[in-house]
């Protein structure tokens, strides 16, 4: 199991994985679409602050989703198909990757923002 720490990965594919197998994930919340991050080359201080808040809220949702998936694996009834457990683990891992991706996006934009100042 991976820890959820901001870093980098492939957002579109990750979100796709998170949103698949929704009937199998009925007990877990759905992951919302990744929020749009501000463009550092033109963003205001307030835009960057709002972007950071959106990033943190999204990462918190991903942490909740990851924990739910891992709890679902841990508490799965005997006889749960291995493929289903693997999908749940892939979904939990994808949440970690999504957190890394959005953190990387924000970090790039923050560097662009600071370079203007």
PDB file of N, CA and C in Angstrom:
ATOM      1  N   UNK A   1       0.835  -1.178   0.000  1.00  0.00           N
ATOM      2  CA  UNK A   1       0.000   0.000   0.000  1.00  0.00           C
ATOM      3  C   UNK A   1       0.875   1.235   0.000  1.00  0.00           C
ATOM      4  N   UNK A   2       0.496   2.194  -0.805  1.00  0.00           N
ATOM      5  CA  UNK A   2       1.274   3.420  -0.913  1.00  0.00           C
ATOM      6  C   UNK A   2       0.686   4.497  -0.026  1.00  0.00           C
ATOM      7  N   UNK A   3       1.556   5.378   0.406  1.00  0.00           N
ATOM      8  CA  UNK A   3       1.115   6.515   1.208  1.00  0.00           C
ATOM      9  C   UNK A   3       0.743   7.657   0.285  1.00  0.00           C
ATOM     10  N   UNK A   4      -0.249   8.431   0.672  1.00  0.00           N
ATOM     11  CA  UNK A   4      -0.719   9.561  -0.127  1.00  0.00           C
ATOM     12  C   UNK A   4       0.105  10.787   0.221  1.00  0.00           C
ATOM     13  N   UNK A   5       1.001  11.151  -0.704  1.00  0.00           N
ATOM     14  CA  UNK A   5       1.878  12.297  -0.527  1.00  0.00           C
ATOM     15  C   UNK A   5       1.898  13.060  -1.845  1.00  0.00           C
ATOM     16  N   UNK A   6       1.760  14.378  -1.826  1.00  0.00           N
ATOM     17  CA  UNK A   6       1.808  15.117  -3.080  1.00  0.00           C
ATOM     18  C   UNK A   6       3.096  14.824  -3.854  1.00  0.00           C
ATOM     19  N   UNK A   7       3.009  14.646  -5.180  1.00  0.00           N
ATOM     20  CA  UNK A   7       4.146  14.321  -6.042  1.00  0.00           C
ATOM     21  C   UNK A   7       3.698  14.293  -7.488  1.00  0.00           C
ATOM     22  N   UNK A   8       3.936  13.259  -8.371  1.00  0.00           N
ATOM     23  CA  UNK A   8       3.550  13.295  -9.783  1.00  0.00           C
ATOM     24  C   UNK A   8       3.054  11.994 -10.370  1.00  0.00           C
ATOM     25  N   UNK A   9       2.258  12.003 -11.474  1.00  0.00           N
ATOM     26  CA  UNK A   9       1.784  10.816 -12.212  1.00  0.00           C
ATOM     27  C   UNK A   9       0.949  11.212 -13.402  1.00  0.00           C
ATOM     28  N   UNK A  10       0.017  10.383 -13.825  1.00  0.00           N
ATOM     29  CA  UNK A  10      -0.717  10.587 -15.076  1.00  0.00           C
ATOM     30  C   UNK A  10      -2.192  10.773 -14.765  1.00  0.00           C
ATOM     31  N   UNK A  11      -2.655  12.020 -14.701  1.00  0.00           N
ATOM     32  CA  UNK A  11      -3.982  12.349 -14.172  1.00  0.00           C
ATOM     33  C   UNK A  11      -5.152  11.790 -14.954  1.00  0.00           C
ATOM     34  N   UNK A  12      -5.184  11.924 -16.239  1.00  0.00           N
ATOM     35  CA  UNK A  12      -6.350  11.489 -17.017  1.00  0.00           C
ATOM     36  C   UNK A  12      -6.561   9.987 -16.878  1.00  0.00           C
ATOM     37  N   UNK A  13      -5.508   9.216 -17.002  1.00  0.00           N
ATOM     38  CA  UNK A  13      -5.620   7.760 -16.873  1.00  0.00           C
ATOM     39  C   UNK A  13      -6.008   7.375 -15.459  1.00  0.00           C
ATOM     40  N   UNK A  14      -5.470   8.083 -14.497  1.00  0.00           N
ATOM     41  CA  UNK A  14      -5.769   7.796 -13.097  1.00  0.00           C
ATOM     42  C   UNK A  14      -7.239   8.042 -12.803  1.00  0.00           C
ATOM     43  N   UNK A  15      -7.729   9.179 -13.237  1.00  0.00           N
ATOM     44  CA  UNK A  15      -9.132   9.498 -12.983  1.00  0.00           C
ATOM     45  C   UNK A  15     -10.029   8.467 -13.641  1.00  0.00           C
ATOM     46  N   UNK A  16      -9.649   8.022 -14.812  1.00  0.00           N
ATOM     47  CA  UNK A  16     -10.408   6.994 -15.513  1.00  0.00           C
ATOM     48  C   UNK A  16     -10.473   5.711 -14.683  1.00  0.00           C
ATOM     49  N   UNK A  17      -9.342   5.317 -14.125  1.00  0.00           N
ATOM     50  CA  UNK A  17      -9.295   4.110 -13.290  1.00  0.00           C
ATOM     51  C   UNK A  17     -10.176   4.299 -12.058  1.00  0.00           C
ATOM     52  N   UNK A  18     -10.086   5.476 -11.461  1.00  0.00           N
ATOM     53  CA  UNK A  18     -10.868   5.739 -10.251  1.00  0.00           C
ATOM     54  C   UNK A  18     -12.367   5.672 -10.509  1.00  0.00           C
ATOM     55  N   UNK A  19     -12.760   6.081 -11.699  1.00  0.00           N
ATOM     56  CA  UNK A  19     -14.180   6.144 -11.990  1.00  0.00           C
ATOM     57  C   UNK A  19     -14.736   4.841 -12.569  1.00  0.00           C
ATOM     58  N   UNK A  20     -13.868   3.881 -12.902  1.00  0.00           N
ATOM     59  CA  UNK A  20     -14.335   2.599 -13.406  1.00  0.00           C
ATOM     60  C   UNK A  20     -14.739   1.715 -12.245  1.00  0.00           C
ATOM     61  N   UNK A  21     -15.438   0.660 -12.586  1.00  0.00           N
ATOM     62  CA  UNK A  21     -15.888  -0.318 -11.594  1.00  0.00           C
ATOM     63  C   UNK A  21     -16.711   0.334 -10.493  1.00  0.00           C
ATOM     64  N   UNK A  22     -17.524   1.329 -10.849  1.00  0.00           N
ATOM     65  CA  UNK A  22     -18.277   2.062  -9.833  1.00  0.00           C
ATOM     66  C   UNK A  22     -19.255   1.177  -9.078  1.00  0.00           C
ATOM     67  N   UNK A  23     -19.820   0.180  -9.723  1.00  0.00           N
ATOM     68  CA  UNK A  23     -20.735  -0.704  -8.994  1.00  0.00           C
ATOM     69  C   UNK A  23     -19.983  -1.520  -7.955  1.00  0.00           C
ATOM     70  N   UNK A  24     -18.731  -1.856  -8.261  1.00  0.00           N
ATOM     71  CA  UNK A  24     -17.918  -2.589  -7.295  1.00  0.00           C
ATOM     72  C   UNK A  24     -17.490  -1.687  -6.151  1.00  0.00           C
ATOM     73  N   UNK A  25     -17.503  -0.387  -6.352  1.00  0.00           N
ATOM     74  CA  UNK A  25     -17.062   0.570  -5.351  1.00  0.00           C
ATOM     75  C   UNK A  25     -18.233   1.267  -4.674  1.00  0.00           C
ATOM     76  N   UNK A  26     -19.390   0.654  -4.713  1.00  0.00           N
ATOM     77  CA  UNK A  26     -20.604   1.301  -4.226  1.00  0.00           C
ATOM     78  C   UNK A  26     -20.461   1.806  -2.793  1.00  0.00           C
ATOM     79  N   UNK A  27     -19.665   1.127  -1.972  1.00  0.00           N
ATOM     80  CA  UNK A  27     -19.516   1.537  -0.583  1.00  0.00           C
ATOM     81  C   UNK A  27     -18.597   2.750  -0.432  1.00  0.00           C
ATOM     82  N   UNK A  28     -17.837   3.065  -1.452  1.00  0.00           N
ATOM     83  CA  UNK A  28     -16.880   4.169  -1.381  1.00  0.00           C
ATOM     84  C   UNK A  28     -17.407   5.375  -2.151  1.00  0.00           C
ATOM     85  N   UNK A  29     -16.978   6.570  -1.712  1.00  0.00           N
ATOM     86  CA  UNK A  29     -17.430   7.783  -2.413  1.00  0.00           C
ATOM     87  C   UNK A  29     -16.857   7.822  -3.825  1.00  0.00           C
ATOM     88  N   UNK A  30     -17.513   8.551  -4.685  1.00  0.00           N
ATOM     89  CA  UNK A  30     -16.976   8.746  -6.022  1.00  0.00           C
ATOM     90  C   UNK A  30     -15.968   9.879  -5.986  1.00  0.00           C
ATOM     91  N   UNK A  31     -14.983   9.778  -6.829  1.00  0.00           N
ATOM     92  CA  UNK A  31     -13.955  10.806  -6.906  1.00  0.00           C
ATOM     93  C   UNK A  31     -14.417  11.890  -7.879  1.00  0.00           C
ATOM     94  N   UNK A  32     -14.411  13.133  -7.441  1.00  0.00           N
ATOM     95  CA  UNK A  32     -14.800  14.209  -8.356  1.00  0.00           C
ATOM     96  C   UNK A  32     -13.690  14.459  -9.377  1.00  0.00           C
ATOM     97  N   UNK A  33     -14.032  15.202 -10.379  1.00  0.00           N
ATOM     98  CA  UNK A  33     -13.063  15.576 -11.400  1.00  0.00           C
ATOM     99  C   UNK A  33     -11.956  16.416 -10.757  1.00  0.00           C
ATOM    100  N   UNK A  34     -10.739  16.233 -11.239  1.00  0.00           N
ATOM    101  CA  UNK A  34      -9.605  16.990 -10.722  1.00  0.00           C
ATOM    102  C   UNK A  34      -9.865  18.479 -10.940  1.00  0.00           C
ATOM    103  N   UNK A  35      -9.667  19.302  -9.912  1.00  0.00           N
ATOM    104  CA  UNK A  35      -9.905  20.740 -10.084  1.00  0.00           C
ATOM    105  C   UNK A  35      -8.867  21.375 -11.002  1.00  0.00           C
ATOM    106  N   UNK A  36      -9.264  22.449 -11.626  1.00  0.00           N
ATOM    107  CA  UNK A  36      -8.372  23.207 -12.504  1.00  0.00           C
ATOM    108  C   UNK A  36      -7.410  24.017 -11.636  1.00  0.00           C
ATOM    109  N   UNK A  37      -6.143  23.941 -11.934  1.00  0.00           N
ATOM    110  CA  UNK A  37      -5.146  24.714 -11.207  1.00  0.00           C
ATOM    111  C   UNK A  37      -4.908  26.038 -11.933  1.00  0.00           C
ATOM    112  N   UNK A  38      -4.564  27.089 -11.183  1.00  0.00           N
ATOM    113  CA  UNK A  38      -4.324  28.392 -11.805  1.00  0.00           C
ATOM    114  C   UNK A  38      -3.103  28.348 -12.719  1.00  0.00           C
ATOM    115  N   UNK A  39      -3.087  29.233 -13.679  1.00  0.00           N
ATOM    116  CA  UNK A  39      -1.939  29.375 -14.582  1.00  0.00           C
ATOM    117  C   UNK A  39      -0.978  30.382 -13.954  1.00  0.00           C
ATOM    118  N   UNK A  40       0.156  29.899 -13.498  1.00  0.00           N
ATOM    119  CA  UNK A  40       1.110  30.735 -12.780  1.00  0.00           C
ATOM    120  C   UNK A  40       1.605  31.939 -13.560  1.00  0.00           C
ATOM    121  N   UNK A  41       1.629  31.824 -14.879  1.00  0.00           N
ATOM    122  CA  UNK A  41       2.124  32.921 -15.705  1.00  0.00           C
ATOM    123  C   UNK A  41       1.211  34.140 -15.670  1.00  0.00           C
ATOM    124  N   UNK A  42      -0.045  33.945 -15.284  1.00  0.00           N
ATOM    125  CA  UNK A  42      -0.978  35.070 -15.274  1.00  0.00           C
ATOM    126  C   UNK A  42      -1.831  35.157 -14.003  1.00  0.00           C
ATOM    127  N   UNK A  43      -1.662  34.248 -13.070  1.00  0.00           N
ATOM    128  CA  UNK A  43      -2.512  34.188 -11.873  1.00  0.00           C
ATOM    129  C   UNK A  43      -2.177  35.299 -10.879  1.00  0.00           C
ATOM    130  N   UNK A  44      -3.201  35.691 -10.139  1.00  0.00           N
ATOM    131  CA  UNK A  44      -3.013  36.658  -9.049  1.00  0.00           C
ATOM    132  C   UNK A  44      -2.657  35.893  -7.770  1.00  0.00           C
ATOM    133  N   UNK A  45      -2.288  36.635  -6.735  1.00  0.00           N
ATOM    134  CA  UNK A  45      -2.026  36.008  -5.435  1.00  0.00           C
ATOM    135  C   UNK A  45      -3.246  35.214  -4.974  1.00  0.00           C
ATOM    136  N   UNK A  46      -4.414  35.822  -5.136  1.00  0.00           N
ATOM    137  CA  UNK A  46      -5.662  35.177  -4.709  1.00  0.00           C
ATOM    138  C   UNK A  46      -5.923  33.900  -5.511  1.00  0.00           C
ATOM    139  N   UNK A  47      -5.645  33.930  -6.812  1.00  0.00           N
ATOM    140  CA  UNK A  47      -5.816  32.731  -7.651  1.00  0.00           C
ATOM    141  C   UNK A  47      -4.937  31.595  -7.144  1.00  0.00           C
ATOM    142  N   UNK A  48      -3.708  31.905  -6.806  1.00  0.00           N
ATOM    143  CA  UNK A  48      -2.781  30.873  -6.336  1.00  0.00           C
ATOM    144  C   UNK A  48      -3.227  30.327  -4.976  1.00  0.00           C
ATOM    145  N   UNK A  49      -3.716  31.211  -4.124  1.00  0.00           N
ATOM    146  CA  UNK A  49      -4.212  30.765  -2.812  1.00  0.00           C
ATOM    147  C   UNK A  49      -5.420  29.850  -3.000  1.00  0.00           C
ATOM    148  N   UNK A  50      -6.337  30.238  -3.868  1.00  0.00           N
ATOM    149  CA  UNK A  50      -7.512  29.415  -4.141  1.00  0.00           C
ATOM    150  C   UNK A  50      -7.104  28.071  -4.745  1.00  0.00           C
ATOM    151  N   UNK A  51      -6.128  28.096  -5.640  1.00  0.00           N
ATOM    152  CA  UNK A  51      -5.628  26.854  -6.232  1.00  0.00           C
ATOM    153  C   UNK A  51      -5.055  25.922  -5.189  1.00  0.00           C
ATOM    154  N   UNK A  52      -4.313  26.478  -4.237  1.00  0.00           N
ATOM    155  CA  UNK A  52      -3.743  25.665  -3.155  1.00  0.00           C
ATOM    156  C   UNK A  52      -4.853  25.046  -2.305  1.00  0.00           C
ATOM    157  N   UNK A  53      -5.886  25.816  -2.031  1.00  0.00           N
ATOM    158  CA  UNK A  53      -7.021  25.297  -1.258  1.00  0.00           C
ATOM    159  C   UNK A  53      -7.740  24.187  -2.010  1.00  0.00           C
ATOM    160  N   UNK A  54      -7.915  24.359  -3.314  1.00  0.00           N
ATOM    161  CA  UNK A  54      -8.549  23.318  -4.138  1.00  0.00           C
ATOM    162  C   UNK A  54      -7.693  22.064  -4.156  1.00  0.00           C
ATOM    163  N   UNK A  55      -6.382  22.243  -4.267  1.00  0.00           N
ATOM    164  CA  UNK A  55      -5.464  21.111  -4.249  1.00  0.00           C
ATOM    165  C   UNK A  55      -5.621  20.334  -2.949  1.00  0.00           C
ATOM    166  N   UNK A  56      -5.596  21.046  -1.826  1.00  0.00           N
ATOM    167  CA  UNK A  56      -5.685  20.372  -0.526  1.00  0.00           C
ATOM    168  C   UNK A  56      -7.023  19.656  -0.358  1.00  0.00           C
ATOM    169  N   UNK A  57      -8.105  20.284  -0.769  1.00  0.00           N
ATOM    170  CA  UNK A  57      -9.425  19.649  -0.664  1.00  0.00           C
ATOM    171  C   UNK A  57      -9.480  18.384  -1.520  1.00  0.00           C
ATOM    172  N   UNK A  58      -8.920  18.448  -2.713  1.00  0.00           N
ATOM    173  CA  UNK A  58      -8.913  17.287  -3.609  1.00  0.00           C
ATOM    174  C   UNK A  58      -8.067  16.158  -3.027  1.00  0.00           C
ATOM    175  N   UNK A  59      -6.891  16.496  -2.489  1.00  0.00           N
ATOM    176  CA  UNK A  59      -6.035  15.482  -1.876  1.00  0.00           C
ATOM    177  C   UNK A  59      -6.753  14.843  -0.679  1.00  0.00           C
ATOM    178  N   UNK A  60      -7.475  15.631   0.093  1.00  0.00           N
ATOM    179  CA  UNK A  60      -8.233  15.075   1.224  1.00  0.00           C
ATOM    180  C   UNK A  60      -9.289  14.082   0.736  1.00  0.00           C
ATOM    181  N   UNK A  61      -9.980  14.419  -0.361  1.00  0.00           N
ATOM    182  CA  UNK A  61     -10.960  13.490  -0.932  1.00  0.00           C
ATOM    183  C   UNK A  61     -10.290  12.209  -1.413  1.00  0.00           C
ATOM    184  N   UNK A  62      -9.122  12.354  -2.003  1.00  0.00           N
ATOM    185  CA  UNK A  62      -8.381  11.185  -2.479  1.00  0.00           C
ATOM    186  C   UNK A  62      -7.948  10.301  -1.313  1.00  0.00           C
ATOM    187  N   UNK A  63      -7.542  10.916  -0.210  1.00  0.00           N
ATOM    188  CA  UNK A  63      -7.163  10.148   0.977  1.00  0.00           C
ATOM    189  C   UNK A  63      -8.361   9.355   1.509  1.00  0.00           C
ATOM    190  N   UNK A  64      -9.521   9.991   1.543  1.00  0.00           N
ATOM    191  CA  UNK A  64     -10.737   9.318   1.987  1.00  0.00           C
ATOM    192  C   UNK A  64     -11.048   8.142   1.072  1.00  0.00           C
ATOM    193  N   UNK A  65     -10.935   8.362  -0.219  1.00  0.00           N
ATOM    194  CA  UNK A  65     -11.195   7.307  -1.196  1.00  0.00           C
ATOM    195  C   UNK A  65     -10.200   6.156  -1.033  1.00  0.00           C
ATOM    196  N   UNK A  66      -8.930   6.493  -0.904  1.00  0.00           N
ATOM    197  CA  UNK A  66      -7.899   5.468  -0.740  1.00  0.00           C
ATOM    198  C   UNK A  66      -8.180   4.627   0.505  1.00  0.00           C
ATOM    199  N   UNK A  67      -8.471   5.274   1.615  1.00  0.00           N
ATOM    200  CA  UNK A  67      -8.761   4.550   2.854  1.00  0.00           C
ATOM    201  C   UNK A  67      -9.981   3.659   2.689  1.00  0.00           C
ATOM    202  N   UNK A  68     -11.003   4.173   2.031  1.00  0.00           N
ATOM    203  CA  UNK A  68     -12.209   3.386   1.806  1.00  0.00           C
ATOM    204  C   UNK A  68     -11.887   2.128   0.997  1.00  0.00           C
ATOM    205  N   UNK A  69     -11.117   2.289  -0.072  1.00  0.00           N
ATOM    206  CA  UNK A  69     -10.742   1.132  -0.903  1.00  0.00           C
ATOM    207  C   UNK A  69      -9.960   0.113  -0.085  1.00  0.00           C
ATOM    208  N   UNK A  70      -9.007   0.597   0.701  1.00  0.00           N
ATOM    209  CA  UNK A  70      -8.192  -0.309   1.507  1.00  0.00           C
ATOM    210  C   UNK A  70      -9.024  -0.996   2.592  1.00  0.00           C
ATOM    211  N   UNK A  71      -9.969  -0.273   3.193  1.00  0.00           N
ATOM    212  CA  UNK A  71     -10.876  -0.890   4.163  1.00  0.00           C
ATOM    213  C   UNK A  71     -11.765  -1.933   3.496  1.00  0.00           C
ATOM    214  N   UNK A  72     -12.188  -1.629   2.282  1.00  0.00           N
ATOM    215  CA  UNK A  72     -13.025  -2.554   1.523  1.00  0.00           C
ATOM    216  C   UNK A  72     -12.258  -3.859   1.258  1.00  0.00           C
ATOM    217  N   UNK A  73     -10.982  -3.740   0.929  1.00  0.00           N
ATOM    218  CA  UNK A  73     -10.143  -4.919   0.703  1.00  0.00           C
ATOM    219  C   UNK A  73     -10.002  -5.708   2.001  1.00  0.00           C
ATOM    220  N   UNK A  74      -9.682  -4.990   3.078  1.00  0.00           N
ATOM    221  CA  UNK A  74      -9.450  -5.627   4.376  1.00  0.00           C
ATOM    222  C   UNK A  74     -10.702  -6.331   4.896  1.00  0.00           C
ATOM    223  N   UNK A  75     -11.870  -5.747   4.654  1.00  0.00           N
ATOM    224  CA  UNK A  75     -13.121  -6.276   5.202  1.00  0.00           C
ATOM    225  C   UNK A  75     -13.964  -7.047   4.187  1.00  0.00           C
ATOM    226  N   UNK A  76     -13.361  -7.385   3.061  1.00  0.00           N
ATOM    227  CA  UNK A  76     -14.107  -8.114   2.027  1.00  0.00           C
ATOM    228  C   UNK A  76     -14.516  -9.491   2.561  1.00  0.00           C
ATOM    229  N   UNK A  77     -15.733  -9.903   2.245  1.00  0.00           N
ATOM    230  CA  UNK A  77     -16.174 -11.210   2.714  1.00  0.00           C
ATOM    231  C   UNK A  77     -15.361 -12.333   2.068  1.00  0.00           C
ATOM    232  N   UNK A  78     -15.258 -13.454   2.770  1.00  0.00           N
ATOM    233  CA  UNK A  78     -14.570 -14.596   2.163  1.00  0.00           C
ATOM    234  C   UNK A  78     -15.228 -14.918   0.816  1.00  0.00           C
ATOM    235  N   UNK A  79     -14.427 -15.315  -0.121  1.00  0.00           N
ATOM    236  CA  UNK A  79     -14.970 -15.645  -1.432  1.00  0.00           C
ATOM    237  C   UNK A  79     -15.004 -14.474  -2.396  1.00  0.00           C
ATOM    238  N   UNK A  80     -14.575 -13.284  -1.937  1.00  0.00           N
ATOM    239  CA  UNK A  80     -14.505 -12.143  -2.851  1.00  0.00           C
ATOM    240  C   UNK A  80     -13.476 -12.479  -3.924  1.00  0.00           C
ATOM    241  N   UNK A  81     -13.864 -12.262  -5.161  1.00  0.00           N
ATOM    242  CA  UNK A  81     -12.977 -12.610  -6.270  1.00  0.00           C
ATOM    243  C   UNK A  81     -11.661 -11.842  -6.185  1.00  0.00           C
ATOM    244  N   UNK A  82     -10.549 -12.527  -6.454  1.00  0.00           N
ATOM    245  CA  UNK A  82      -9.249 -11.852  -6.432  1.00  0.00           C
ATOM    246  C   UNK A  82      -9.180 -10.680  -7.415  1.00  0.00           C
ATOM    247  N   UNK A  83      -9.863 -10.812  -8.560  1.00  0.00           N
ATOM    248  CA  UNK A  83      -9.858  -9.726  -9.548  1.00  0.00           C
ATOM    249  C   UNK A  83     -10.478  -8.462  -8.979  1.00  0.00           C
ATOM    250  N   UNK A  84     -11.521  -8.637  -8.173  1.00  0.00           N
ATOM    251  CA  UNK A  84     -12.186  -7.490  -7.566  1.00  0.00           C
ATOM    252  C   UNK A  84     -11.266  -6.828  -6.536  1.00  0.00           C
ATOM    253  N   UNK A  85     -10.600  -7.654  -5.727  1.00  0.00           N
ATOM    254  CA  UNK A  85      -9.642  -7.113  -4.752  1.00  0.00           C
ATOM    255  C   UNK A  85      -8.517  -6.358  -5.476  1.00  0.00           C
ATOM    256  N   UNK A  86      -8.059  -6.916  -6.587  1.00  0.00           N
ATOM    257  CA  UNK A  86      -7.008  -6.258  -7.366  1.00  0.00           C
ATOM    258  C   UNK A  86      -7.493  -4.920  -7.914  1.00  0.00           C
ATOM    259  N   UNK A  87      -8.742  -4.880  -8.360  1.00  0.00           N
ATOM    260  CA  UNK A  87      -9.288  -3.614  -8.870  1.00  0.00           C
ATOM    261  C   UNK A  87      -9.371  -2.579  -7.759  1.00  0.00           C
ATOM    262  N   UNK A  88      -9.810  -3.011  -6.577  1.00  0.00           N
ATOM    263  CA  UNK A  88      -9.874  -2.085  -5.456  1.00  0.00           C
ATOM    264  C   UNK A  88      -8.487  -1.545  -5.111  1.00  0.00           C
ATOM    265  N   UNK A  89      -7.472  -2.426  -5.139  1.00  0.00           N
ATOM    266  CA  UNK A  89      -6.110  -1.978  -4.841  1.00  0.00           C
ATOM    267  C   UNK A  89      -5.612  -1.032  -5.928  1.00  0.00           C
ATOM    268  N   UNK A  90      -5.926  -1.330  -7.171  1.00  0.00           N
ATOM    269  CA  UNK A  90      -5.541  -0.436  -8.272  1.00  0.00           C
ATOM    270  C   UNK A  90      -6.203   0.925  -8.094  1.00  0.00           C
ATOM    271  N   UNK A  91      -7.448   0.939  -7.660  1.00  0.00           N
ATOM    272  CA  UNK A  91      -8.152   2.202  -7.420  1.00  0.00           C
ATOM    273  C   UNK A  91      -7.496   2.987  -6.280  1.00  0.00           C
ATOM    274  N   UNK A  92      -7.115   2.285  -5.204  1.00  0.00           N
ATOM    275  CA  UNK A  92      -6.438   2.945  -4.078  1.00  0.00           C
ATOM    276  C   UNK A  92      -5.102   3.521  -4.543  1.00  0.00           C
ATOM    277  N   UNK A  93      -4.353   2.748  -5.313  1.00  0.00           N
ATOM    278  CA  UNK A  93      -3.069   3.218  -5.831  1.00  0.00           C
ATOM    279  C   UNK A  93      -3.259   4.397  -6.778  1.00  0.00           C
ATOM    280  N   UNK A  94      -4.313   4.357  -7.580  1.00  0.00           N
ATOM    281  CA  UNK A  94      -4.586   5.450  -8.515  1.00  0.00           C
ATOM    282  C   UNK A  94      -4.899   6.743  -7.765  1.00  0.00           C
ATOM    283  N   UNK A  95      -5.512   6.645  -6.604  1.00  0.00           N
ATOM    284  CA  UNK A  95      -5.784   7.841  -5.795  1.00  0.00           C
ATOM    285  C   UNK A  95      -4.466   8.472  -5.354  1.00  0.00           C
ATOM    286  N   UNK A  96      -3.503   7.647  -4.978  1.00  0.00           N
ATOM    287  CA  UNK A  96      -2.183   8.152  -4.600  1.00  0.00           C
ATOM    288  C   UNK A  96      -1.549   8.859  -5.791  1.00  0.00           C
ATOM    289  N   UNK A  97      -1.603   8.208  -6.948  1.00  0.00           N
ATOM    290  CA  UNK A  97      -1.015   8.791  -8.149  1.00  0.00           C
ATOM    291  C   UNK A  97      -1.687  10.112  -8.531  1.00  0.00           C
ATOM    292  N   UNK A  98      -2.996  10.186  -8.369  1.00  0.00           N
ATOM    293  CA  UNK A  98      -3.727  11.417  -8.686  1.00  0.00           C
ATOM    294  C   UNK A  98      -3.290  12.550  -7.761  1.00  0.00           C
ATOM    295  N   UNK A  99      -3.037  12.235  -6.503  1.00  0.00           N
ATOM    296  CA  UNK A  99      -2.568  13.260  -5.563  1.00  0.00           C
ATOM    297  C   UNK A  99      -1.195  13.774  -5.979  1.00  0.00           C
ATOM    298  N   UNK A 100      -0.342  12.857  -6.400  1.00  0.00           N
ATOM    299  CA  UNK A 100       0.986  13.267  -6.879  1.00  0.00           C
ATOM    300  C   UNK A 100       0.860  14.151  -8.107  1.00  0.00           C
ATOM    301  N   UNK A 101      -0.018  13.783  -9.011  1.00  0.00           N
ATOM    302  CA  UNK A 101      -0.190  14.520 -10.261  1.00  0.00           C
ATOM    303  C   UNK A 101      -0.648  15.956 -10.015  1.00  0.00           C
ATOM    304  N   UNK A 102      -1.667  16.129  -9.212  1.00  0.00           N
ATOM    305  CA  UNK A 102      -2.178  17.485  -8.994  1.00  0.00           C
ATOM    306  C   UNK A 102      -1.161  18.326  -8.221  1.00  0.00           C
ATOM    307  N   UNK A 103      -0.424  17.701  -7.320  1.00  0.00           N
ATOM    308  CA  UNK A 103       0.608  18.442  -6.592  1.00  0.00           C
ATOM    309  C   UNK A 103       1.703  18.901  -7.550  1.00  0.00           C
ATOM    310  N   UNK A 104       2.070  18.054  -8.487  1.00  0.00           N
ATOM    311  CA  UNK A 104       3.077  18.441  -9.478  1.00  0.00           C
ATOM    312  C   UNK A 104       2.579  19.587 -10.353  1.00  0.00           C
ATOM    313  N   UNK A 105       1.335  19.500 -10.777  1.00  0.00           N
ATOM    314  CA  UNK A 105       0.761  20.556 -11.612  1.00  0.00           C
ATOM    315  C   UNK A 105       0.794  21.886 -10.862  1.00  0.00           C
ATOM    316  N   UNK A 106       0.351  21.865  -9.619  1.00  0.00           N
ATOM    317  CA  UNK A 106       0.339  23.104  -8.832  1.00  0.00           C
ATOM    318  C   UNK A 106       1.764  23.629  -8.626  1.00  0.00           C
ATOM    319  N   UNK A 107       2.683  22.739  -8.346  1.00  0.00           N
ATOM    320  CA  UNK A 107       4.067  23.128  -8.110  1.00  0.00           C
ATOM    321  C   UNK A 107       4.670  23.822  -9.334  1.00  0.00           C
ATOM    322  N   UNK A 108       4.409  23.298 -10.507  1.00  0.00           N
ATOM    323  CA  UNK A 108       4.899  23.909 -11.749  1.00  0.00           C
ATOM    324  C   UNK A 108       4.315  25.310 -11.904  1.00  0.00           C
ATOM    325  N   UNK A 109       3.023  25.438 -11.633  1.00  0.00           N
ATOM    326  CA  UNK A 109       2.368  26.738 -11.767  1.00  0.00           C
ATOM    327  C   UNK A 109       2.854  27.718 -10.695  1.00  0.00           C
ATOM    328  N   UNK A 110       3.145  27.219  -9.519  1.00  0.00           N
ATOM    329  CA  UNK A 110       3.654  28.080  -8.449  1.00  0.00           C
ATOM    330  C   UNK A 110       5.039  28.614  -8.815  1.00  0.00           C
ATOM    331  N   UNK A 111       5.872  27.763  -9.391  1.00  0.00           N
ATOM    332  CA  UNK A 111       7.189  28.237  -9.833  1.00  0.00           C
ATOM    333  C   UNK A 111       7.047  29.323 -10.907  1.00  0.00           C
ATOM    334  N   UNK A 112       6.124  29.128 -11.829  1.00  0.00           N
ATOM    335  CA  UNK A 112       5.884  30.137 -12.873  1.00  0.00           C
ATOM    336  C   UNK A 112       5.398  31.442 -12.237  1.00  0.00           C
ATOM    337  N   UNK A 113       4.526  31.320 -11.250  1.00  0.00           N
ATOM    338  CA  UNK A 113       3.995  32.494 -10.557  1.00  0.00           C
ATOM    339  C   UNK A 113       5.138  33.255  -9.852  1.00  0.00           C
ATOM    340  N   UNK A 114       5.974  32.527  -9.129  1.00  0.00           N
ATOM    341  CA  UNK A 114       7.065  33.168  -8.384  1.00  0.00           C
ATOM    342  C   UNK A 114       8.113  33.767  -9.312  1.00  0.00           C
ATOM    343  N   UNK A 115       8.291  33.186 -10.487  1.00  0.00           N
ATOM    344  CA  UNK A 115       9.267  33.714 -11.444  1.00  0.00           C
ATOM    345  C   UNK A 115       8.862  35.092 -11.945  1.00  0.00           C
ATOM    346  N   UNK A 116       7.580  35.387 -11.910  1.00  0.00           N
ATOM    347  CA  UNK A 116       7.086  36.711 -12.348  1.00  0.00           C
ATOM    348  C   UNK A 116       7.372  37.789 -11.321  1.00  0.00           C
ATOM    349  N   UNK A 117       7.631  37.431 -10.107  1.00  0.00           N
ATOM    350  CA  UNK A 117       7.738  38.417  -9.025  1.00  0.00           C
ATOM    351  C   UNK A 117       9.146  38.832  -8.744  1.00  0.00           C
TER     352      UNK A 117
END
